[in-house]
């Protein structure tokens, strides 16, 4: 078994439709804009999660498993992860990423 794979991605209207479908199917949503931006920029559908995002995605998956246990057995609702470990250079809106992008463009 490899790393998790990207099964859906979108921006703007497509992202809104993904959220709408998730709500219809009672799939919990977790807002994590830096992680979403990094995945959107650095992956295509079917791709494995980039190694640099393993920690952040693992935190999300741990939360999902905790939510499932909570739904099945009750107890205390798990806390949503707030500060996911997304390397600055992976987030296209982070200034560190923009420095890398301009360096990459200069090399082409």
Protein backbone atom coordinates (compact mmCIF):
# COMPACT_ATOMS: atom_id res chain seq x y z
CA UNK A 1 0.00 0.00 0.00
CA UNK A 2 1.43 3.35 -1.04
CA UNK A 3 0.79 6.86 0.09
CA UNK A 4 -2.74 8.30 0.00
CA UNK A 5 -3.86 9.46 -3.43
CA UNK A 6 -5.69 12.57 -4.61
CA UNK A 7 -9.25 11.54 -5.49
CA UNK A 8 -10.78 14.99 -6.03
CA UNK A 9 -9.51 18.51 -6.48
CA UNK A 10 -10.86 21.78 -7.67
CA UNK A 11 -10.93 25.52 -7.30
CA UNK A 12 -13.77 28.01 -7.24
CA UNK A 13 -16.98 26.43 -8.59
CA UNK A 14 -15.49 22.93 -8.71
CA UNK A 15 -14.39 23.21 -5.08
CA UNK A 16 -17.85 24.45 -4.13
CA UNK A 17 -19.41 21.44 -5.88
CA UNK A 18 -17.04 19.07 -4.04
CA UNK A 19 -18.09 20.65 -0.72
CA UNK A 20 -21.76 20.42 -1.72
CA UNK A 21 -21.44 16.71 -2.58
CA UNK A 22 -19.57 16.08 0.67
CA UNK A 23 -22.37 17.71 2.65
CA UNK A 24 -25.03 15.68 0.79
CA UNK A 25 -23.17 12.47 1.69
CA UNK A 26 -22.47 13.57 5.27
CA UNK A 27 -18.72 13.65 4.70
CA UNK A 28 -17.18 15.91 7.34
CA UNK A 29 -15.25 18.90 6.03
CA UNK A 30 -12.00 20.23 7.42
CA UNK A 31 -10.84 23.62 6.23
CA UNK A 32 -7.08 23.73 5.80
CA UNK A 33 -6.32 26.33 3.12
CA UNK A 34 -2.50 26.00 3.09
CA UNK A 35 -2.76 22.21 2.70
CA UNK A 36 -5.48 22.53 0.06
CA UNK A 37 -3.41 25.04 -1.92
CA UNK A 38 -0.30 22.84 -1.70
CA UNK A 39 -2.17 19.75 -2.85
CA UNK A 40 -3.85 21.68 -5.67
CA UNK A 41 -0.56 23.07 -6.95
CA UNK A 42 1.62 19.99 -6.57
CA UNK A 43 -0.69 17.09 -7.51
CA UNK A 44 -3.00 15.83 -10.21
CA UNK A 45 -5.92 13.45 -9.79
CA UNK A 46 -4.65 9.99 -8.93
CA UNK A 47 -1.26 11.23 -7.74
CA UNK A 48 0.18 10.10 -4.44
CA UNK A 49 0.50 12.76 -1.77
CA UNK A 50 3.94 14.43 -2.01
CA UNK A 51 6.37 13.31 0.67
CA UNK A 52 6.66 16.89 1.97
CA UNK A 53 2.94 16.81 2.86
CA UNK A 54 2.90 13.42 4.63
CA UNK A 55 2.82 14.95 8.12
CA UNK A 56 -0.05 17.32 7.38
CA UNK A 57 -2.08 14.63 5.61
CA UNK A 58 -1.37 12.17 8.45
CA UNK A 59 -2.80 14.70 10.92
CA UNK A 60 -5.94 14.98 8.80
CA UNK A 61 -6.27 11.20 8.52
CA UNK A 62 -5.80 10.80 12.29
CA UNK A 63 -8.62 13.31 12.80
CA UNK A 64 -10.84 11.36 10.36
CA UNK A 65 -10.22 8.10 12.22
CA UNK A 66 -10.96 9.84 15.54
CA UNK A 67 -14.22 11.21 14.09
CA UNK A 68 -15.23 7.73 12.98
CA UNK A 69 -14.56 6.33 16.45
CA UNK A 70 -16.51 9.22 18.00
CA UNK A 71 -19.46 8.58 15.66
CA UNK A 72 -19.46 4.88 16.48
CA UNK A 73 -18.73 4.92 20.22
CA UNK A 74 -19.44 8.46 21.42
CA UNK A 75 -17.28 10.12 24.02
CA UNK A 76 -15.48 13.37 23.50
CA UNK A 77 -15.59 14.86 20.02
CA UNK A 78 -12.05 15.12 18.65
CA UNK A 79 -10.49 18.53 18.17
CA UNK A 80 -10.01 19.68 14.61
CA UNK A 81 -6.36 20.09 13.70
CA UNK A 82 -5.68 23.81 13.32
CA UNK A 83 -2.01 24.31 12.44
CA UNK A 84 -1.09 21.63 9.94
CA UNK A 85 2.58 21.17 9.10
CA UNK A 86 2.65 22.42 5.50
CA UNK A 87 6.17 23.37 4.41
CA UNK A 88 6.17 27.05 3.40
CA UNK A 89 7.67 26.28 -0.01
CA UNK A 90 4.70 23.99 -0.81
CA UNK A 91 2.05 26.69 -0.23
CA UNK A 92 1.83 28.86 -3.34
CA UNK A 93 0.63 31.86 -1.30
CA UNK A 94 3.52 31.68 1.14
CA UNK A 95 6.35 34.14 0.35
CA UNK A 96 8.90 31.30 0.66
CA UNK A 97 7.15 29.49 -2.19
CA UNK A 98 7.12 32.59 -4.36
CA UNK A 99 10.90 32.96 -3.95
CA UNK A 100 11.34 29.35 -5.12
CA UNK A 101 8.98 29.89 -8.07
CA UNK A 102 10.91 32.96 -9.26
CA UNK A 103 14.20 31.06 -8.92
CA UNK A 104 12.74 28.17 -10.93
CA UNK A 105 11.56 30.57 -13.61
CA UNK A 106 15.02 32.12 -13.86
CA UNK A 107 16.55 28.68 -14.48
CA UNK A 108 14.25 27.78 -17.39
